[in-house]
Amino acid sequence: MHPLAKKLLVSRQLQMEEGDLRVLGDNMIILPADVLLEFNELLDEKIVYRIGEIIGDRMASTLKKYGISGMKLVDFCLNLMSMYGWGKPSIVRVGEKTFLMVEHSVIALKAIEKQKKYRCCGLLAGIFAGLFSNAMGKKMTAREVKCFALGEKFCEFEIF
């Protein structure tokens, strides 16, 4: 079990009842990973990105209720994303620039499985943009610069 899941269970912030899944008091759902890849194929990339922004912003807003802010909020959200199965995100700073690496992006893994070769993590880029915008209190953008589905070792996003 993911270490964060254990902590949330002990503090009663992860609740699973018949027909109801809650994390930090918010209702959650579990979707097949294929659906996330389908978003890319069915929807315009700007819409997929915007959906991601909303998800990232809502994740951050939920954590702010618990007094978490700034980079601690970002780190906690990235840990939640790992627990939820999105992949293993981590922050890398190169000089003044901030990058997010995602190892084993669930979307890229599904793209590889279905033999799709394109930058497929626009939803993740949107999530990171929404998360950083909320946490930093200013409009931020995320751009996928490397993708595991294209043979890279991981997906990488520039945050600016």
Protein backbone atom coordinates (compact mmCIF):
# COMPACT_ATOMS: atom_id res chain seq x y z
CA MET A 1 0.00 0.00 0.00
CA HIS A 2 1.21 3.50 -0.82
CA PRO A 3 2.64 5.19 2.33
CA LEU A 4 0.32 8.19 1.94
CA ALA A 5 -2.70 5.89 1.75
CA LYS A 6 -1.68 4.33 5.07
CA LYS A 7 -1.39 7.77 6.69
CA LEU A 8 -4.75 8.85 5.30
CA LEU A 9 -6.42 5.63 6.49
CA VAL A 10 -5.05 6.04 10.02
CA SER A 11 -6.22 9.66 10.15
CA ARG A 12 -9.60 8.65 8.68
CA GLN A 13 -9.04 10.87 5.66
CA LEU A 14 -9.31 7.92 3.26
CA GLN A 15 -12.73 6.34 3.48
CA MET A 16 -14.06 3.53 1.33
CA GLU A 17 -17.68 2.54 1.80
CA GLU A 18 -20.00 0.80 -0.60
CA GLY A 19 -20.64 3.32 -3.37
CA ASP A 20 -18.56 6.04 -1.71
CA LEU A 21 -14.84 6.80 -1.91
CA ARG A 22 -13.55 9.91 -0.12
CA VAL A 23 -10.06 11.35 0.15
CA LEU A 24 -9.66 14.33 2.49
CA GLY A 25 -13.44 14.61 2.60
CA ASP A 26 -13.89 14.91 -1.19
CA ASN A 27 -15.77 12.32 -3.22
CA MET A 28 -13.53 10.49 -5.68
CA ILE A 29 -14.02 7.99 -8.48
CA ILE A 30 -11.72 5.42 -10.03
CA LEU A 31 -11.52 5.31 -13.82
CA PRO A 32 -9.80 2.89 -16.18
CA ALA A 33 -6.55 4.46 -17.43
CA ASP A 34 -7.69 3.91 -21.04
CA VAL A 35 -10.29 6.65 -20.56
CA LEU A 36 -7.55 9.23 -20.01
CA LEU A 37 -5.93 8.30 -23.31
CA GLU A 38 -9.34 8.44 -25.03
CA PHE A 39 -9.71 12.08 -23.89
CA ASN A 40 -6.74 12.91 -26.13
CA GLU A 41 -8.28 11.19 -29.11
CA LEU A 42 -11.84 12.49 -28.70
CA LEU A 43 -11.34 16.04 -27.45
CA ASP A 44 -9.40 19.07 -28.64
CA GLU A 45 -6.05 19.35 -26.81
CA LYS A 46 -7.05 22.75 -25.36
CA ILE A 47 -10.14 21.17 -23.78
CA VAL A 48 -8.08 18.28 -22.36
CA TYR A 49 -5.58 20.79 -20.93
CA ARG A 50 -8.39 22.88 -19.42
CA ILE A 51 -9.96 19.80 -17.79
CA GLY A 52 -6.54 19.12 -16.28
CA GLU A 53 -6.28 22.71 -15.01
CA ILE A 54 -9.60 22.32 -13.22
CA ILE A 55 -8.49 19.02 -11.64
CA GLY A 56 -5.17 20.53 -10.46
CA ASP A 57 -6.88 23.64 -9.09
CA ARG A 58 -9.46 21.56 -7.18
CA MET A 59 -6.79 19.30 -5.71
CA ALA A 60 -4.91 22.36 -4.46
CA SER A 61 -8.08 24.02 -3.11
CA THR A 62 -8.93 20.89 -1.12
CA LEU A 63 -5.52 20.88 0.54
CA LYS A 64 -5.64 24.59 1.34
CA LYS A 65 -8.56 23.77 3.67
CA TYR A 66 -5.98 21.89 5.76
CA GLY A 67 -3.59 24.83 5.95
CA ILE A 68 -1.14 23.52 3.34
CA SER A 69 0.24 26.10 0.91
CA GLY A 70 3.06 26.90 -1.52
CA MET A 71 5.51 24.17 -2.44
CA LYS A 72 4.33 21.96 0.45
CA LEU A 73 0.92 21.95 -1.22
CA VAL A 74 2.50 21.03 -4.58
CA ASP A 75 4.53 18.22 -2.97
CA PHE A 76 1.45 16.83 -1.19
CA CYS A 77 -0.58 16.91 -4.42
CA LEU A 78 2.19 15.13 -6.32
CA ASN A 79 2.22 12.47 -3.60
CA LEU A 80 -1.57 12.13 -3.94
CA MET A 81 -1.20 11.74 -7.71
CA SER A 82 1.32 8.97 -7.16
CA MET A 83 -1.09 7.27 -4.75
CA TYR A 84 -3.93 7.62 -7.29
CA GLY A 85 -1.82 5.83 -9.92
CA TRP A 86 -1.02 8.70 -12.31
CA GLY A 87 2.69 7.81 -12.22
CA LYS A 88 5.58 8.94 -10.06
CA PRO A 89 5.97 12.73 -10.32
CA SER A 90 8.95 14.66 -8.98
CA ILE A 91 10.15 18.26 -9.20
CA VAL A 92 13.48 19.11 -10.79
CA ARG A 93 14.94 22.61 -10.78
CA VAL A 94 17.43 23.64 -13.45
CA GLY A 95 18.66 27.14 -12.70
CA GLU A 96 15.61 29.40 -12.69
CA LYS A 97 13.42 26.83 -14.46
CA THR A 98 11.12 24.30 -12.86
CA PHE A 99 10.44 20.93 -14.45
CA LEU A 100 8.25 18.04 -13.38
CA MET A 101 9.33 14.53 -14.30
CA VAL A 102 6.72 11.76 -14.29
CA GLU A 103 8.02 8.23 -14.31
CA HIS A 104 5.55 5.60 -15.49
CA SER A 105 2.85 8.06 -16.58
CA VAL A 106 -0.29 5.95 -16.74
CA ILE A 107 -1.39 7.81 -19.88
CA ALA A 108 1.93 7.22 -21.67
CA LEU A 109 1.94 3.57 -20.59
CA LYS A 110 -1.51 3.12 -22.14
CA ALA A 111 -0.36 4.90 -25.32
CA ILE A 112 2.59 2.49 -25.61
CA GLU A 113 0.30 -0.48 -24.96
CA LYS A 114 -1.98 0.70 -27.80
CA GLN A 115 1.02 1.53 -30.03
CA LYS A 116 0.21 5.26 -30.14
CA LYS A 117 3.24 7.49 -30.66
CA TYR A 118 2.54 11.10 -29.72
CA ARG A 119 2.86 13.45 -26.75
CA CYS A 120 -0.17 12.19 -24.91
CA CYS A 121 0.03 13.79 -21.46
CA GLY A 122 -1.81 17.07 -22.09
CA LEU A 123 -4.15 16.23 -19.22
CA LEU A 124 -1.18 15.96 -16.86
CA ALA A 125 0.21 19.26 -18.18
CA GLY A 126 -3.12 20.89 -17.37
CA ILE A 127 -3.21 19.34 -13.90
CA PHE A 128 0.27 20.68 -13.17
CA ALA A 129 -0.66 24.14 -14.49
CA GLY A 130 -3.79 24.27 -12.30
CA LEU A 131 -1.92 22.97 -9.27
CA PHE A 132 1.00 25.41 -9.57
CA SER A 133 -1.31 28.35 -10.39
CA ASN A 134 -3.33 27.74 -7.24
CA ALA A 135 -0.32 27.03 -5.03
CA MET A 136 1.71 30.03 -6.24
CA GLY A 137 -1.20 32.47 -6.51
CA LYS A 138 -0.48 33.40 -10.13
CA LYS A 139 -1.30 32.01 -13.57
CA MET A 140 1.20 29.29 -14.48
CA THR A 141 1.54 27.14 -17.59
CA ALA A 142 2.89 23.62 -18.04
CA ARG A 143 4.21 22.24 -21.30
CA GLU A 144 5.13 18.64 -22.00
CA VAL A 145 8.68 18.64 -23.39
CA LYS A 146 9.43 14.89 -23.24
CA CYS A 147 7.10 11.90 -23.39
CA PHE A 148 7.65 8.32 -22.36
CA ALA A 149 5.30 7.26 -25.19
CA LEU A 150 7.85 8.67 -27.66
CA GLY A 151 10.72 6.63 -26.25
CA GLU A 152 11.96 9.04 -23.58
CA LYS A 153 12.88 7.64 -20.14
CA PHE A 154 10.03 9.63 -18.54
CA CYS A 155 7.55 12.40 -19.28
CA GLU A 156 8.83 15.88 -18.52
CA PHE A 157 6.92 19.13 -18.13
CA GLU A 158 8.28 22.66 -18.01
CA ILE A 159 6.42 24.88 -15.54
CA PHE A 160 6.44 28.62 -16.26
